[in-house]
PDB file of N, CA and C in Angstrom:
ATOM      1  N   MET A   1       0.849  -1.196   0.000  1.00  0.00           N
ATOM      2  CA  MET A   1       0.000   0.000   0.000  1.00  0.00           C
ATOM      3  C   MET A   1       0.885   1.246   0.000  1.00  0.00           C
ATOM      4  N   VAL A   2       0.635   2.145  -0.916  1.00  0.00           N
ATOM      5  CA  VAL A   2       1.416   3.373  -1.017  1.00  0.00           C
ATOM      6  C   VAL A   2       0.520   4.535  -0.628  1.00  0.00           C
ATOM      7  N   GLN A   3       1.041   5.423   0.190  1.00  0.00           N
ATOM      8  CA  GLN A   3       0.286   6.584   0.590  1.00  0.00           C
ATOM      9  C   GLN A   3       0.133   7.525  -0.606  1.00  0.00           C
ATOM     10  N   PRO A   4      -0.993   8.219  -0.723  1.00  0.00           N
ATOM     11  CA  PRO A   4      -1.210   9.095  -1.869  1.00  0.00           C
ATOM     12  C   PRO A   4      -0.294  10.300  -1.921  1.00  0.00           C
ATOM     13  N   ASN A   5       0.191  10.767  -0.779  1.00  0.00           N
ATOM     14  CA  ASN A   5       1.002  11.989  -0.761  1.00  0.00           C
ATOM     15  C   ASN A   5       2.440  11.737  -0.324  1.00  0.00           C
ATOM     16  N   PHE A   6       2.968  10.590  -0.650  1.00  0.00           N
ATOM     17  CA  PHE A   6       4.334  10.208  -0.272  1.00  0.00           C
ATOM     18  C   PHE A   6       5.346  11.288  -0.661  1.00  0.00           C
ATOM     19  N   GLU A   7       5.296  11.732  -1.916  1.00  0.00           N
ATOM     20  CA  GLU A   7       6.273  12.718  -2.393  1.00  0.00           C
ATOM     21  C   GLU A   7       6.126  14.050  -1.670  1.00  0.00           C
ATOM     22  N   ASP A   8       4.879  14.465  -1.414  1.00  0.00           N
ATOM     23  CA  ASP A   8       4.660  15.728  -0.705  1.00  0.00           C
ATOM     24  C   ASP A   8       5.210  15.674   0.717  1.00  0.00           C
ATOM     25  N   VAL A   9       4.985  14.557   1.379  1.00  0.00           N
ATOM     26  CA  VAL A   9       5.475  14.385   2.751  1.00  0.00           C
ATOM     27  C   VAL A   9       7.003  14.405   2.764  1.00  0.00           C
ATOM     28  N   VAL A  10       7.612  13.682   1.846  1.00  0.00           N
ATOM     29  CA  VAL A  10       9.078  13.626   1.772  1.00  0.00           C
ATOM     30  C   VAL A  10       9.652  15.015   1.504  1.00  0.00           C
ATOM     31  N   LYS A  11       9.060  15.751   0.574  1.00  0.00           N
ATOM     32  CA  LYS A  11       9.550  17.102   0.259  1.00  0.00           C
ATOM     33  C   LYS A  11       9.430  18.032   1.462  1.00  0.00           C
ATOM     34  N   ALA A  12       8.311  17.928   2.188  1.00  0.00           N
ATOM     35  CA  ALA A  12       8.109  18.782   3.360  1.00  0.00           C
ATOM     36  C   ALA A  12       9.146  18.480   4.443  1.00  0.00           C
ATOM     37  N   ILE A  13       9.380  17.198   4.694  1.00  0.00           N
ATOM     38  CA  ILE A  13      10.378  16.823   5.704  1.00  0.00           C
ATOM     39  C   ILE A  13      11.763  17.295   5.272  1.00  0.00           C
ATOM     40  N   ALA A  14      12.091  17.104   4.006  1.00  0.00           N
ATOM     41  CA  ALA A  14      13.404  17.517   3.491  1.00  0.00           C
ATOM     42  C   ALA A  14      13.605  19.020   3.655  1.00  0.00           C
ATOM     43  N   THR A  15      12.581  19.790   3.340  1.00  0.00           N
ATOM     44  CA  THR A  15      12.670  21.242   3.464  1.00  0.00           C
ATOM     45  C   THR A  15      12.803  21.658   4.922  1.00  0.00           C
ATOM     46  N   ASP A  16      11.960  21.086   5.776  1.00  0.00           N
ATOM     47  CA  ASP A  16      11.956  21.453   7.200  1.00  0.00           C
ATOM     48  C   ASP A  16      13.253  21.089   7.912  1.00  0.00           C
ATOM     49  N   THR A  17      13.879  20.012   7.488  1.00  0.00           N
ATOM     50  CA  THR A  17      15.079  19.533   8.182  1.00  0.00           C
ATOM     51  C   THR A  17      16.364  19.840   7.418  1.00  0.00           C
ATOM     52  N   ASN A  18      16.242  20.508   6.278  1.00  0.00           N
ATOM     53  CA  ASN A  18      17.407  20.843   5.460  1.00  0.00           C
ATOM     54  C   ASN A  18      18.217  19.588   5.129  1.00  0.00           C
ATOM     55  N   THR A  19      17.496  18.552   4.671  1.00  0.00           N
ATOM     56  CA  THR A  19      18.085  17.257   4.341  1.00  0.00           C
ATOM     57  C   THR A  19      17.770  16.937   2.889  1.00  0.00           C
ATOM     58  N   PRO A  20      18.698  16.326   2.161  1.00  0.00           N
ATOM     59  CA  PRO A  20      18.419  15.966   0.765  1.00  0.00           C
ATOM     60  C   PRO A  20      17.182  15.069   0.647  1.00  0.00           C
ATOM     61  N   THR A  21      16.391  15.307  -0.385  1.00  0.00           N
ATOM     62  CA  THR A  21      15.165  14.545  -0.621  1.00  0.00           C
ATOM     63  C   THR A  21      15.442  13.054  -0.714  1.00  0.00           C
ATOM     64  N   GLU A  22      16.551  12.668  -1.343  1.00  0.00           N
ATOM     65  CA  GLU A  22      16.878  11.246  -1.494  1.00  0.00           C
ATOM     66  C   GLU A  22      17.052  10.576  -0.128  1.00  0.00           C
ATOM     67  N   THR A  23      17.708  11.280   0.794  1.00  0.00           N
ATOM     68  CA  THR A  23      17.938  10.752   2.135  1.00  0.00           C
ATOM     69  C   THR A  23      16.617  10.568   2.864  1.00  0.00           C
ATOM     70  N   VAL A  24      15.777  11.591   2.794  1.00  0.00           N
ATOM     71  CA  VAL A  24      14.474  11.530   3.461  1.00  0.00           C
ATOM     72  C   VAL A  24      13.622  10.420   2.858  1.00  0.00           C
ATOM     73  N   SER A  25      13.635  10.312   1.551  1.00  0.00           N
ATOM     74  CA  SER A  25      12.843   9.291   0.865  1.00  0.00           C
ATOM     75  C   SER A  25      13.239   7.885   1.310  1.00  0.00           C
ATOM     76  N   LYS A  26      14.536   7.662   1.413  1.00  0.00           N
ATOM     77  CA  LYS A  26      15.035   6.352   1.835  1.00  0.00           C
ATOM     78  C   LYS A  26      14.635   6.066   3.285  1.00  0.00           C
ATOM     79  N   MET A  27      14.833   7.052   4.163  1.00  0.00           N
ATOM     80  CA  MET A  27      14.466   6.879   5.571  1.00  0.00           C
ATOM     81  C   MET A  27      12.969   6.644   5.715  1.00  0.00           C
ATOM     82  N   TYR A  28      12.171   7.385   4.959  1.00  0.00           N
ATOM     83  CA  TYR A  28      10.724   7.256   5.036  1.00  0.00           C
ATOM     84  C   TYR A  28      10.297   5.861   4.589  1.00  0.00           C
ATOM     85  N   ALA A  29      10.854   5.388   3.486  1.00  0.00           N
ATOM     86  CA  ALA A  29      10.507   4.058   2.973  1.00  0.00           C
ATOM     87  C   ALA A  29      10.887   2.971   3.977  1.00  0.00           C
ATOM     88  N   GLU A  30      12.061   3.096   4.570  1.00  0.00           N
ATOM     89  CA  GLU A  30      12.518   2.116   5.555  1.00  0.00           C
ATOM     90  C   GLU A  30      11.633   2.133   6.806  1.00  0.00           C
ATOM     91  N   THR A  31      11.297   3.328   7.264  1.00  0.00           N
ATOM     92  CA  THR A  31      10.457   3.453   8.452  1.00  0.00           C
ATOM     93  C   THR A  31       9.048   2.954   8.160  1.00  0.00           C
ATOM     94  N   TRP A  32       8.528   3.278   6.968  1.00  0.00           N
ATOM     95  CA  TRP A  32       7.200   2.799   6.569  1.00  0.00           C
ATOM     96  C   TRP A  32       7.179   1.270   6.569  1.00  0.00           C
ATOM     97  N   ALA A  33       8.195   0.662   6.005  1.00  0.00           N
ATOM     98  CA  ALA A  33       8.251  -0.803   5.949  1.00  0.00           C
ATOM     99  C   ALA A  33       8.280  -1.393   7.355  1.00  0.00           C
ATOM    100  N   GLU A  34       9.057  -0.784   8.232  1.00  0.00           N
ATOM    101  CA  GLU A  34       9.179  -1.258   9.611  1.00  0.00           C
ATOM    102  C   GLU A  34       7.842  -1.135  10.353  1.00  0.00           C
ATOM    103  N   TYR A  35       7.186   0.020  10.217  1.00  0.00           N
ATOM    104  CA  TYR A  35       5.941   0.265  10.945  1.00  0.00           C
ATOM    105  C   TYR A  35       4.765  -0.504  10.360  1.00  0.00           C
ATOM    106  N   SER A  36       4.736  -0.698   9.035  1.00  0.00           N
ATOM    107  CA  SER A  36       3.581  -1.337   8.404  1.00  0.00           C
ATOM    108  C   SER A  36       3.638  -2.859   8.488  1.00  0.00           C
ATOM    109  N   ASP A  37       4.803  -3.405   8.789  1.00  0.00           N
ATOM    110  CA  ASP A  37       4.950  -4.855   8.886  1.00  0.00           C
ATOM    111  C   ASP A  37       4.067  -5.397  10.011  1.00  0.00           C
ATOM    112  N   GLY A  38       3.034  -6.102   9.640  1.00  0.00           N
ATOM    113  CA  GLY A  38       2.126  -6.679  10.616  1.00  0.00           C
ATOM    114  C   GLY A  38       1.078  -5.727  11.152  1.00  0.00           C
ATOM    115  N   ALA A  39       1.072  -4.491  10.690  1.00  0.00           N
ATOM    116  CA  ALA A  39       0.084  -3.527  11.170  1.00  0.00           C
ATOM    117  C   ALA A  39      -1.296  -3.861  10.610  1.00  0.00           C
ATOM    118  N   ARG A  40      -2.282  -3.822  11.470  1.00  0.00           N
ATOM    119  CA  ARG A  40      -3.654  -4.090  11.032  1.00  0.00           C
ATOM    120  C   ARG A  40      -4.400  -2.797  10.754  1.00  0.00           C
ATOM    121  N   ILE A  41      -4.051  -1.759  11.461  1.00  0.00           N
ATOM    122  CA  ILE A  41      -4.715  -0.465  11.270  1.00  0.00           C
ATOM    123  C   ILE A  41      -3.703   0.490  10.647  1.00  0.00           C
ATOM    124  N   MET A  42      -4.022   0.957   9.459  1.00  0.00           N
ATOM    125  CA  MET A  42      -3.074   1.790   8.710  1.00  0.00           C
ATOM    126  C   MET A  42      -3.434   3.286   8.747  1.00  0.00           C
ATOM    127  N   ASP A  43      -4.536   3.628   9.417  1.00  0.00           N
ATOM    128  CA  ASP A  43      -5.059   4.989   9.375  1.00  0.00           C
ATOM    129  C   ASP A  43      -4.049   6.058   9.774  1.00  0.00           C
ATOM    130  N   TYR A  44      -3.273   5.785  10.812  1.00  0.00           N
ATOM    131  CA  TYR A  44      -2.355   6.806  11.338  1.00  0.00           C
ATOM    132  C   TYR A  44      -0.898   6.541  10.990  1.00  0.00           C
ATOM    133  N   LEU A  45      -0.668   5.588  10.124  1.00  0.00           N
ATOM    134  CA  LEU A  45       0.704   5.202   9.815  1.00  0.00           C
ATOM    135  C   LEU A  45       1.501   6.349   9.202  1.00  0.00           C
ATOM    136  N   THR A  46       0.886   7.111   8.309  1.00  0.00           N
ATOM    137  CA  THR A  46       1.587   8.238   7.690  1.00  0.00           C
ATOM    138  C   THR A  46       2.040   9.233   8.755  1.00  0.00           C
ATOM    139  N   VAL A  47       1.172   9.528   9.703  1.00  0.00           N
ATOM    140  CA  VAL A  47       1.512  10.480  10.772  1.00  0.00           C
ATOM    141  C   VAL A  47       2.650   9.947  11.625  1.00  0.00           C
ATOM    142  N   LEU A  48       2.556   8.682  12.008  1.00  0.00           N
ATOM    143  CA  LEU A  48       3.590   8.083  12.858  1.00  0.00           C
ATOM    144  C   LEU A  48       4.939   8.002  12.146  1.00  0.00           C
ATOM    145  N   VAL A  49       4.926   7.593  10.889  1.00  0.00           N
ATOM    146  CA  VAL A  49       6.174   7.480  10.128  1.00  0.00           C
ATOM    147  C   VAL A  49       6.786   8.864   9.927  1.00  0.00           C
ATOM    148  N   THR A  50       5.975   9.837   9.576  1.00  0.00           N
ATOM    149  CA  THR A  50       6.472  11.205   9.380  1.00  0.00           C
ATOM    150  C   THR A  50       7.113  11.728  10.659  1.00  0.00           C
ATOM    151  N   LYS A  51       6.459  11.507  11.784  1.00  0.00           N
ATOM    152  CA  LYS A  51       6.999  11.956  13.069  1.00  0.00           C
ATOM    153  C   LYS A  51       8.339  11.296  13.366  1.00  0.00           C
ATOM    154  N   ARG A  52       8.437   9.993  13.157  1.00  0.00           N
ATOM    155  CA  ARG A  52       9.676   9.257  13.444  1.00  0.00           C
ATOM    156  C   ARG A  52      10.819   9.753  12.557  1.00  0.00           C
ATOM    157  N   VAL A  53      10.558   9.937  11.266  1.00  0.00           N
ATOM    158  CA  VAL A  53      11.609  10.396  10.350  1.00  0.00           C
ATOM    159  C   VAL A  53      12.086  11.787  10.755  1.00  0.00           C
ATOM    160  N   ARG A  54      11.165  12.678  11.075  1.00  0.00           N
ATOM    161  CA  ARG A  54      11.550  14.030  11.519  1.00  0.00           C
ATOM    162  C   ARG A  54      12.410  13.963  12.780  1.00  0.00           C
ATOM    163  N   GLU A  55      11.983  13.152  13.744  1.00  0.00           N
ATOM    164  CA  GLU A  55      12.751  13.015  14.987  1.00  0.00           C
ATOM    165  C   GLU A  55      14.146  12.469  14.715  1.00  0.00           C
ATOM    166  N   ASN A  56      14.234  11.472  13.860  1.00  0.00           N
ATOM    167  CA  ASN A  56      15.538  10.892  13.525  1.00  0.00           C
ATOM    168  C   ASN A  56      16.440  11.919  12.852  1.00  0.00           C
ATOM    169  N   LEU A  57      15.889  12.696  11.947  1.00  0.00           N
ATOM    170  CA  LEU A  57      16.690  13.705  11.249  1.00  0.00           C
ATOM    171  C   LEU A  57      17.102  14.840  12.183  1.00  0.00           C
ATOM    172  N   ARG A  58      16.241  15.234  13.068  1.00  0.00           N
ATOM    173  CA  ARG A  58      16.613  16.266  14.041  1.00  0.00           C
ATOM    174  C   ARG A  58      17.713  15.776  14.962  1.00  0.00           C
ATOM    175  N   GLY A  59      17.653  14.519  15.327  1.00  0.00           N
ATOM    176  CA  GLY A  59      18.701  13.926  16.158  1.00  0.00           C
ATOM    177  C   GLY A  59      20.036  13.908  15.458  1.00  0.00           C
ATOM    178  N   VAL A  60      20.015  13.610  14.166  1.00  0.00           N
ATOM    179  CA  VAL A  60      21.234  13.588  13.363  1.00  0.00           C
ATOM    180  C   VAL A  60      21.803  14.992  13.248  1.00  0.00           C
ATOM    181  N   SER A  61      20.962  15.978  12.972  1.00  0.00           N
ATOM    182  CA  SER A  61      21.468  17.335  12.809  1.00  0.00           C
ATOM    183  C   SER A  61      21.996  17.891  14.128  1.00  0.00           C
ATOM    184  N   GLN A  62      21.384  17.516  15.253  1.00  0.00           N
ATOM    185  CA  GLN A  62      21.877  17.976  16.546  1.00  0.00           C
ATOM    186  C   GLN A  62      23.225  17.333  16.883  1.00  0.00           C
ATOM    187  N   ASP A  63      23.420  16.094  16.447  1.00  0.00           N
ATOM    188  CA  ASP A  63      24.698  15.422  16.690  1.00  0.00           C
ATOM    189  C   ASP A  63      25.837  16.107  15.958  1.00  0.00           C
ATOM    190  N   ARG A  64      25.545  16.733  14.843  1.00  0.00           N
ATOM    191  CA  ARG A  64      26.578  17.390  14.049  1.00  0.00           C
ATOM    192  C   ARG A  64      27.071  18.673  14.709  1.00  0.00           C
ATOM    193  N   HIS A  65      26.209  19.333  15.484  1.00  0.00           N
ATOM    194  CA  HIS A  65      26.571  20.625  16.063  1.00  0.00           C
ATOM    195  C   HIS A  65      27.262  20.479  17.387  1.00  0.00           C
TER     196      HIS A  65
END
């Protein structure tokens, strides 16, 4: 199952976190696969995955400073 706004979400995260789109796309796909594996309710998966990717990217950027 592919979310309808995958590209929009990836672009927004990339812009907000100043991270290349390719990096965000890969992280999002990996996180989506991890979260959706065995999930029965998919309604909030986009929100949860988006939140996790943002948190991970913020953690990475804070480690650099």
